[in-house]
Amino acid sequence: MRISVLAFDDLDTRTAYALWRLRQQVFVVEQASPYPDLDGRDLEPATRHVLAHDGDELVGCLRLLDDGSHARIGRVVVAGSARGRGLARDLMDAAMAVVGGREVHLDAQTGLTAFYASYGFEVSGPEFVEDGVAHVPMVRR
C-alpha cells in the first residue's frame, strides 16, 4: 500500500480520473447520494489530495482544504474492495501529519463519529442531512 499527498497540479490525468471515479462510485452510486463533486475546491492551490494506492489501483482518498483560519478534511473514501484493511486510518494519519497542530474541521457521516473522535475530533453542532446522508460537524482544536 502506498500513501501519497499531492496538490491537484501534481496529479497525472489517470490519477485525477481515478480519484473522481472512486468518489463517484462510493458516494453517488453506492450511497445513492448525488452531490456536486466538481465544486472547484480540488483546484485550489492549498488543497491536498491524500491517496492510497494498492499497486496501480487507487483504493482510497481524502481531500484536505485550507479554509483560512482552519483546515478541513472531506471526501474521505475507501473502495468497497479495500475496506477492513485500515486504509481510512492510513489516510487520516497522513492528513493529520500535514495539518500538524492546526485546527481542523470535518463533517462526519453520523456512524463514523467514534472513528474521528479517536483523532481528537469533537462534535461541534447538531446532526444535519447533506445529500440524503446524516452528518455531524466535528472539530479538532
N, C-alpha and C. Protein backbone atom coordinates (compact mmCIF):
# COMPACT_ATOMS: atom_id res chain seq x y z
N MET A 1 0.85 -1.18 0.00
CA MET A 1 0.00 0.00 0.00
C MET A 1 0.89 1.23 0.00
N ARG A 2 0.55 2.18 -0.83
CA ARG A 2 1.32 3.41 -0.94
C ARG A 2 0.40 4.60 -0.67
N ILE A 3 0.80 5.47 0.26
CA ILE A 3 0.05 6.68 0.58
C ILE A 3 0.85 7.87 0.05
N SER A 4 0.18 8.77 -0.66
CA SER A 4 0.85 9.97 -1.15
C SER A 4 -0.04 11.18 -0.90
N VAL A 5 0.60 12.34 -0.81
CA VAL A 5 -0.10 13.59 -0.59
C VAL A 5 0.30 14.52 -1.74
N LEU A 6 -0.68 14.92 -2.55
CA LEU A 6 -0.39 15.68 -3.76
C LEU A 6 -1.32 16.87 -3.93
N ALA A 7 -0.79 17.94 -4.49
CA ALA A 7 -1.60 19.05 -4.95
C ALA A 7 -2.27 18.64 -6.26
N PHE A 8 -3.32 19.33 -6.64
CA PHE A 8 -4.04 18.97 -7.87
C PHE A 8 -3.11 18.98 -9.07
N ASP A 9 -2.26 19.99 -9.19
CA ASP A 9 -1.38 20.08 -10.34
C ASP A 9 -0.35 18.96 -10.40
N ASP A 10 -0.18 18.23 -9.31
CA ASP A 10 0.75 17.10 -9.28
C ASP A 10 0.08 15.78 -9.64
N LEU A 11 -1.25 15.78 -9.80
CA LEU A 11 -1.97 14.58 -10.21
C LEU A 11 -1.83 14.40 -11.71
N ASP A 12 -1.42 13.21 -12.16
CA ASP A 12 -1.45 12.97 -13.59
C ASP A 12 -2.91 12.73 -13.99
N THR A 13 -3.19 12.75 -15.28
CA THR A 13 -4.59 12.66 -15.73
C THR A 13 -5.26 11.36 -15.32
N ARG A 14 -4.55 10.25 -15.35
CA ARG A 14 -5.14 8.97 -14.96
C ARG A 14 -5.47 8.93 -13.46
N THR A 15 -4.62 9.55 -12.65
CA THR A 15 -4.88 9.58 -11.21
C THR A 15 -6.07 10.48 -10.91
N ALA A 16 -6.15 11.63 -11.57
CA ALA A 16 -7.30 12.53 -11.38
C ALA A 16 -8.59 11.81 -11.78
N TYR A 17 -8.57 11.12 -12.90
CA TYR A 17 -9.75 10.36 -13.34
C TYR A 17 -10.12 9.30 -12.30
N ALA A 18 -9.13 8.55 -11.80
CA ALA A 18 -9.38 7.51 -10.81
C ALA A 18 -9.94 8.10 -9.52
N LEU A 19 -9.45 9.27 -9.12
CA LEU A 19 -9.92 9.96 -7.92
C LEU A 19 -11.41 10.29 -8.06
N TRP A 20 -11.78 10.93 -9.15
CA TRP A 20 -13.18 11.30 -9.35
C TRP A 20 -14.06 10.07 -9.51
N ARG A 21 -13.55 9.04 -10.18
CA ARG A 21 -14.31 7.81 -10.37
C ARG A 21 -14.58 7.12 -9.03
N LEU A 22 -13.57 7.06 -8.16
CA LEU A 22 -13.73 6.43 -6.85
C LEU A 22 -14.76 7.20 -6.02
N ARG A 23 -14.65 8.51 -5.98
CA ARG A 23 -15.62 9.30 -5.22
C ARG A 23 -17.03 9.09 -5.77
N GLN A 24 -17.17 9.06 -7.08
CA GLN A 24 -18.48 8.84 -7.69
C GLN A 24 -19.01 7.45 -7.36
N GLN A 25 -18.16 6.44 -7.46
CA GLN A 25 -18.59 5.06 -7.21
C GLN A 25 -19.12 4.90 -5.79
N VAL A 26 -18.43 5.48 -4.81
CA VAL A 26 -18.85 5.29 -3.42
C VAL A 26 -19.97 6.25 -3.04
N PHE A 27 -19.78 7.54 -3.25
CA PHE A 27 -20.77 8.50 -2.76
C PHE A 27 -22.05 8.51 -3.60
N VAL A 28 -21.91 8.55 -4.91
CA VAL A 28 -23.09 8.69 -5.76
C VAL A 28 -23.77 7.34 -6.01
N VAL A 29 -23.00 6.32 -6.38
CA VAL A 29 -23.60 5.04 -6.73
C VAL A 29 -23.91 4.21 -5.48
N GLU A 30 -22.89 3.89 -4.68
CA GLU A 30 -23.09 3.01 -3.52
C GLU A 30 -23.99 3.64 -2.46
N GLN A 31 -23.74 4.92 -2.12
CA GLN A 31 -24.51 5.56 -1.07
C GLN A 31 -25.74 6.30 -1.60
N ALA A 32 -25.96 6.23 -2.91
CA ALA A 32 -27.12 6.87 -3.55
C ALA A 32 -27.26 8.33 -3.11
N SER A 33 -26.15 9.05 -3.18
CA SER A 33 -26.11 10.43 -2.72
C SER A 33 -25.54 11.35 -3.80
N PRO A 34 -26.36 11.70 -4.78
CA PRO A 34 -25.84 12.59 -5.82
C PRO A 34 -25.47 13.95 -5.22
N TYR A 35 -24.28 14.40 -5.53
CA TYR A 35 -23.81 15.66 -4.98
C TYR A 35 -22.88 16.30 -6.02
N PRO A 36 -22.66 17.61 -5.93
CA PRO A 36 -21.80 18.29 -6.90
C PRO A 36 -20.32 18.10 -6.55
N ASP A 37 -19.75 16.97 -6.95
CA ASP A 37 -18.36 16.65 -6.61
C ASP A 37 -17.38 17.68 -7.18
N LEU A 38 -17.59 18.10 -8.40
CA LEU A 38 -16.67 19.04 -9.03
C LEU A 38 -17.05 20.47 -8.63
N ASP A 39 -16.68 20.80 -7.38
CA ASP A 39 -17.07 22.07 -6.78
C ASP A 39 -16.01 23.16 -6.89
N GLY A 40 -14.92 22.88 -7.58
CA GLY A 40 -13.85 23.86 -7.74
C GLY A 40 -12.78 23.81 -6.67
N ARG A 41 -13.05 23.17 -5.56
CA ARG A 41 -12.09 23.18 -4.44
C ARG A 41 -10.88 22.28 -4.69
N ASP A 42 -11.05 21.25 -5.54
CA ASP A 42 -9.90 20.41 -5.88
C ASP A 42 -8.77 21.23 -6.50
N LEU A 43 -9.13 22.29 -7.20
CA LEU A 43 -8.17 23.10 -7.94
C LEU A 43 -7.45 24.15 -7.10
N GLU A 44 -7.92 24.41 -5.89
CA GLU A 44 -7.31 25.47 -5.07
C GLU A 44 -5.85 25.12 -4.77
N PRO A 45 -4.96 26.12 -4.84
CA PRO A 45 -3.53 25.85 -4.66
C PRO A 45 -3.17 25.16 -3.34
N ALA A 46 -3.90 25.43 -2.27
CA ALA A 46 -3.56 24.85 -0.97
C ALA A 46 -4.19 23.47 -0.74
N THR A 47 -5.11 23.04 -1.61
CA THR A 47 -5.76 21.75 -1.45
C THR A 47 -4.75 20.62 -1.64
N ARG A 48 -4.86 19.62 -0.79
CA ARG A 48 -4.02 18.43 -0.91
C ARG A 48 -4.93 17.20 -0.99
N HIS A 49 -4.56 16.29 -1.86
CA HIS A 49 -5.26 15.02 -2.03
C HIS A 49 -4.39 13.94 -1.42
N VAL A 50 -4.95 13.24 -0.45
CA VAL A 50 -4.24 12.12 0.18
C VAL A 50 -4.77 10.86 -0.50
N LEU A 51 -3.87 10.12 -1.12
CA LEU A 51 -4.25 8.98 -1.96
C LEU A 51 -3.65 7.69 -1.44
N ALA A 52 -4.44 6.61 -1.51
CA ALA A 52 -3.96 5.28 -1.15
C ALA A 52 -4.02 4.42 -2.40
N HIS A 53 -2.86 3.92 -2.81
CA HIS A 53 -2.77 3.04 -3.97
C HIS A 53 -2.38 1.64 -3.53
N ASP A 54 -3.03 0.66 -4.10
CA ASP A 54 -2.64 -0.74 -3.95
C ASP A 54 -2.13 -1.14 -5.33
N GLY A 55 -0.83 -1.17 -5.49
CA GLY A 55 -0.26 -1.33 -6.82
C GLY A 55 -0.59 -0.11 -7.63
N ASP A 56 -1.20 -0.30 -8.78
CA ASP A 56 -1.59 0.82 -9.64
C ASP A 56 -3.01 1.30 -9.39
N GLU A 57 -3.74 0.62 -8.51
CA GLU A 57 -5.15 0.93 -8.29
C GLU A 57 -5.34 1.91 -7.14
N LEU A 58 -6.07 3.00 -7.40
CA LEU A 58 -6.45 3.93 -6.34
C LEU A 58 -7.57 3.29 -5.54
N VAL A 59 -7.34 3.07 -4.24
CA VAL A 59 -8.33 2.38 -3.41
C VAL A 59 -8.84 3.25 -2.27
N GLY A 60 -8.30 4.46 -2.11
CA GLY A 60 -8.78 5.35 -1.07
C GLY A 60 -8.26 6.75 -1.28
N CYS A 61 -9.00 7.72 -0.75
CA CYS A 61 -8.55 9.10 -0.88
C CYS A 61 -9.30 9.97 0.13
N LEU A 62 -8.74 11.12 0.38
CA LEU A 62 -9.43 12.18 1.09
C LEU A 62 -8.91 13.50 0.58
N ARG A 63 -9.66 14.56 0.87
CA ARG A 63 -9.29 15.90 0.42
C ARG A 63 -9.06 16.78 1.62
N LEU A 64 -7.97 17.48 1.62
CA LEU A 64 -7.59 18.39 2.70
C LEU A 64 -7.61 19.81 2.15
N LEU A 65 -8.49 20.64 2.73
CA LEU A 65 -8.68 22.01 2.27
C LEU A 65 -8.14 23.01 3.27
N ASP A 66 -7.81 24.19 2.78
CA ASP A 66 -7.43 25.32 3.63
C ASP A 66 -8.61 26.27 3.67
N ASP A 67 -9.28 26.35 4.81
CA ASP A 67 -10.43 27.24 4.98
C ASP A 67 -10.05 28.52 5.71
N GLY A 68 -8.81 28.95 5.56
CA GLY A 68 -8.37 30.19 6.19
C GLY A 68 -7.92 29.98 7.61
N SER A 69 -8.84 30.13 8.56
CA SER A 69 -8.49 30.00 9.97
C SER A 69 -8.29 28.55 10.40
N HIS A 70 -8.68 27.61 9.55
CA HIS A 70 -8.56 26.19 9.90
C HIS A 70 -8.46 25.35 8.63
N ALA A 71 -8.07 24.11 8.81
CA ALA A 71 -8.08 23.14 7.71
C ALA A 71 -9.41 22.40 7.73
N ARG A 72 -9.75 21.77 6.61
CA ARG A 72 -10.99 20.98 6.51
C ARG A 72 -10.68 19.68 5.80
N ILE A 73 -11.11 18.58 6.40
CA ILE A 73 -10.97 17.26 5.80
C ILE A 73 -12.33 16.86 5.24
N GLY A 74 -12.32 16.33 4.03
CA GLY A 74 -13.55 15.87 3.42
C GLY A 74 -13.30 14.84 2.35
N ARG A 75 -14.40 14.35 1.79
CA ARG A 75 -14.34 13.38 0.70
C ARG A 75 -13.49 12.16 1.07
N VAL A 76 -13.63 11.70 2.33
CA VAL A 76 -12.88 10.52 2.79
C VAL A 76 -13.58 9.29 2.24
N VAL A 77 -12.87 8.49 1.47
CA VAL A 77 -13.49 7.35 0.81
C VAL A 77 -12.50 6.20 0.64
N VAL A 78 -13.00 5.00 0.85
CA VAL A 78 -12.23 3.78 0.61
C VAL A 78 -13.10 2.88 -0.27
N ALA A 79 -12.49 2.34 -1.32
CA ALA A 79 -13.21 1.44 -2.23
C ALA A 79 -13.74 0.24 -1.45
N GLY A 80 -14.91 -0.23 -1.84
CA GLY A 80 -15.52 -1.37 -1.17
C GLY A 80 -14.59 -2.57 -1.12
N SER A 81 -13.84 -2.79 -2.18
CA SER A 81 -12.94 -3.95 -2.24
C SER A 81 -11.74 -3.84 -1.31
N ALA A 82 -11.50 -2.65 -0.77
CA ALA A 82 -10.31 -2.42 0.07
C ALA A 82 -10.67 -2.13 1.52
N ARG A 83 -11.93 -2.20 1.88
CA ARG A 83 -12.34 -1.90 3.26
C ARG A 83 -11.89 -2.99 4.22
N GLY A 84 -11.73 -2.60 5.47
CA GLY A 84 -11.35 -3.55 6.50
C GLY A 84 -9.85 -3.75 6.65
N ARG A 85 -9.08 -2.94 5.94
CA ARG A 85 -7.61 -3.06 5.98
C ARG A 85 -6.95 -1.88 6.69
N GLY A 86 -7.76 -0.99 7.26
CA GLY A 86 -7.19 0.16 7.97
C GLY A 86 -6.80 1.31 7.07
N LEU A 87 -7.30 1.34 5.84
CA LEU A 87 -6.91 2.41 4.91
C LEU A 87 -7.42 3.78 5.32
N ALA A 88 -8.62 3.84 5.90
CA ALA A 88 -9.13 5.14 6.35
C ALA A 88 -8.20 5.71 7.42
N ARG A 89 -7.70 4.86 8.27
CA ARG A 89 -6.76 5.31 9.30
C ARG A 89 -5.45 5.76 8.66
N ASP A 90 -4.96 5.04 7.66
CA ASP A 90 -3.73 5.45 6.96
C ASP A 90 -3.92 6.82 6.30
N LEU A 91 -5.08 7.02 5.67
CA LEU A 91 -5.37 8.31 5.04
C LEU A 91 -5.41 9.43 6.08
N MET A 92 -6.12 9.17 7.19
CA MET A 92 -6.22 10.19 8.24
C MET A 92 -4.87 10.47 8.89
N ASP A 93 -4.06 9.44 9.11
CA ASP A 93 -2.73 9.65 9.68
C ASP A 93 -1.92 10.59 8.80
N ALA A 94 -1.98 10.39 7.49
CA ALA A 94 -1.24 11.25 6.56
C ALA A 94 -1.79 12.67 6.58
N ALA A 95 -3.11 12.80 6.60
CA ALA A 95 -3.72 14.14 6.63
C ALA A 95 -3.36 14.87 7.92
N MET A 96 -3.41 14.17 9.05
CA MET A 96 -3.10 14.81 10.33
C MET A 96 -1.63 15.21 10.40
N ALA A 97 -0.76 14.47 9.75
CA ALA A 97 0.65 14.84 9.70
C ALA A 97 0.83 16.14 8.91
N VAL A 98 0.03 16.33 7.88
CA VAL A 98 0.11 17.57 7.09
C VAL A 98 -0.39 18.76 7.89
N VAL A 99 -1.51 18.61 8.60
CA VAL A 99 -2.08 19.75 9.33
C VAL A 99 -1.36 20.05 10.63
N GLY A 100 -0.66 19.08 11.19
CA GLY A 100 0.06 19.32 12.44
C GLY A 100 -0.88 19.75 13.54
N GLY A 101 -0.53 20.84 14.23
CA GLY A 101 -1.33 21.33 15.35
C GLY A 101 -2.44 22.28 14.96
N ARG A 102 -2.65 22.47 13.68
CA ARG A 102 -3.68 23.40 13.20
C ARG A 102 -5.08 22.89 13.52
N GLU A 103 -6.02 23.79 13.75
CA GLU A 103 -7.41 23.41 13.96
C GLU A 103 -7.95 22.80 12.67
N VAL A 104 -8.75 21.72 12.83
CA VAL A 104 -9.29 21.01 11.67
C VAL A 104 -10.79 20.78 11.87
N HIS A 105 -11.56 21.00 10.82
CA HIS A 105 -13.00 20.76 10.82
C HIS A 105 -13.31 19.65 9.83
N LEU A 106 -14.41 18.95 10.07
CA LEU A 106 -14.92 17.98 9.10
C LEU A 106 -16.38 17.75 9.39
N ASP A 107 -17.09 17.25 8.40
CA ASP A 107 -18.49 16.84 8.56
C ASP A 107 -18.50 15.32 8.43
N ALA A 108 -18.66 14.64 9.55
CA ALA A 108 -18.59 13.18 9.58
C ALA A 108 -19.95 12.56 9.31
N GLN A 109 -19.96 11.49 8.52
CA GLN A 109 -21.18 10.71 8.45
C GLN A 109 -21.44 10.22 9.88
N THR A 110 -22.67 10.30 10.30
CA THR A 110 -23.02 10.09 11.71
C THR A 110 -22.45 8.80 12.29
N GLY A 111 -22.44 7.74 11.55
CA GLY A 111 -21.93 6.47 12.05
C GLY A 111 -20.43 6.42 12.23
N LEU A 112 -19.72 7.46 11.81
CA LEU A 112 -18.25 7.46 11.88
C LEU A 112 -17.70 8.41 12.94
N THR A 113 -18.55 8.93 13.82
CA THR A 113 -18.06 9.90 14.80
C THR A 113 -17.02 9.29 15.74
N ALA A 114 -17.18 8.05 16.13
CA ALA A 114 -16.20 7.43 17.04
C ALA A 114 -14.84 7.31 16.37
N PHE A 115 -14.83 7.00 15.07
CA PHE A 115 -13.57 6.93 14.33
C PHE A 115 -12.85 8.28 14.38
N TYR A 116 -13.55 9.35 14.07
CA TYR A 116 -12.92 10.68 14.08
C TYR A 116 -12.59 11.14 15.50
N ALA A 117 -13.40 10.73 16.47
CA ALA A 117 -13.10 11.07 17.86
C ALA A 117 -11.75 10.49 18.28
N SER A 118 -11.36 9.37 17.69
CA SER A 118 -10.06 8.77 18.02
C SER A 118 -8.90 9.65 17.59
N TYR A 119 -9.17 10.64 16.75
CA TYR A 119 -8.17 11.62 16.33
C TYR A 119 -8.30 12.94 17.09
N GLY A 120 -9.15 12.97 18.10
CA GLY A 120 -9.33 14.16 18.90
C GLY A 120 -10.44 15.08 18.43
N PHE A 121 -11.23 14.65 17.45
CA PHE A 121 -12.35 15.45 16.98
C PHE A 121 -13.51 15.34 17.96
N GLU A 122 -14.22 16.46 18.11
CA GLU A 122 -15.41 16.51 18.96
C GLU A 122 -16.57 17.03 18.14
N VAL A 123 -17.76 16.52 18.42
CA VAL A 123 -18.97 17.01 17.75
C VAL A 123 -19.12 18.49 18.11
N SER A 124 -19.38 19.31 17.10
CA SER A 124 -19.43 20.76 17.32
C SER A 124 -20.76 21.39 16.93
N GLY A 125 -21.75 20.56 16.66
CA GLY A 125 -23.06 21.09 16.29
C GLY A 125 -24.05 19.97 16.09
N PRO A 126 -25.28 20.31 15.76
CA PRO A 126 -26.32 19.30 15.61
C PRO A 126 -26.17 18.50 14.31
N GLU A 127 -26.74 17.31 14.34
CA GLU A 127 -26.77 16.47 13.14
C GLU A 127 -27.54 17.19 12.04
N PHE A 128 -27.11 16.98 10.80
CA PHE A 128 -27.79 17.54 9.64
C PHE A 128 -27.73 16.51 8.51
N VAL A 129 -28.62 16.67 7.56
CA VAL A 129 -28.64 15.77 6.40
C VAL A 129 -28.10 16.54 5.20
N GLU A 130 -27.08 15.96 4.58
CA GLU A 130 -26.49 16.55 3.38
C GLU A 130 -26.56 15.52 2.27
N ASP A 131 -27.22 15.87 1.19
CA ASP A 131 -27.36 14.98 0.03
C ASP A 131 -27.91 13.62 0.43
N GLY A 132 -28.86 13.62 1.39
CA GLY A 132 -29.54 12.41 1.80
C GLY A 132 -28.81 11.57 2.83
N VAL A 133 -27.66 12.05 3.34
CA VAL A 133 -26.86 11.29 4.31
C VAL A 133 -26.71 12.12 5.59
N ALA A 134 -26.97 11.49 6.75
CA ALA A 134 -26.85 12.18 8.04
C ALA A 134 -25.38 12.41 8.38
N HIS A 135 -25.06 13.62 8.79
CA HIS A 135 -23.71 14.04 9.18
C HIS A 135 -23.75 14.81 10.49
N VAL A 136 -22.61 14.93 11.13
CA VAL A 136 -22.44 15.84 12.25
C VAL A 136 -21.15 16.63 12.03
N PRO A 137 -21.18 17.94 12.34
CA PRO A 137 -19.95 18.70 12.26
C PRO A 137 -19.03 18.33 13.43
N MET A 138 -17.74 18.26 13.13
CA MET A 138 -16.76 17.93 14.17
C MET A 138 -15.55 18.85 14.02
N VAL A 139 -14.86 19.08 15.12
CA VAL A 139 -13.68 19.93 15.11
C VAL A 139 -12.61 19.33 16.01
N ARG A 140 -11.38 19.50 15.59
CA ARG A 140 -10.22 19.19 16.44
C ARG A 140 -9.48 20.49 16.60
N ARG A 141 -9.49 21.01 17.82
CA ARG A 141 -8.87 22.31 18.09
C ARG A 141 -7.39 22.16 18.34
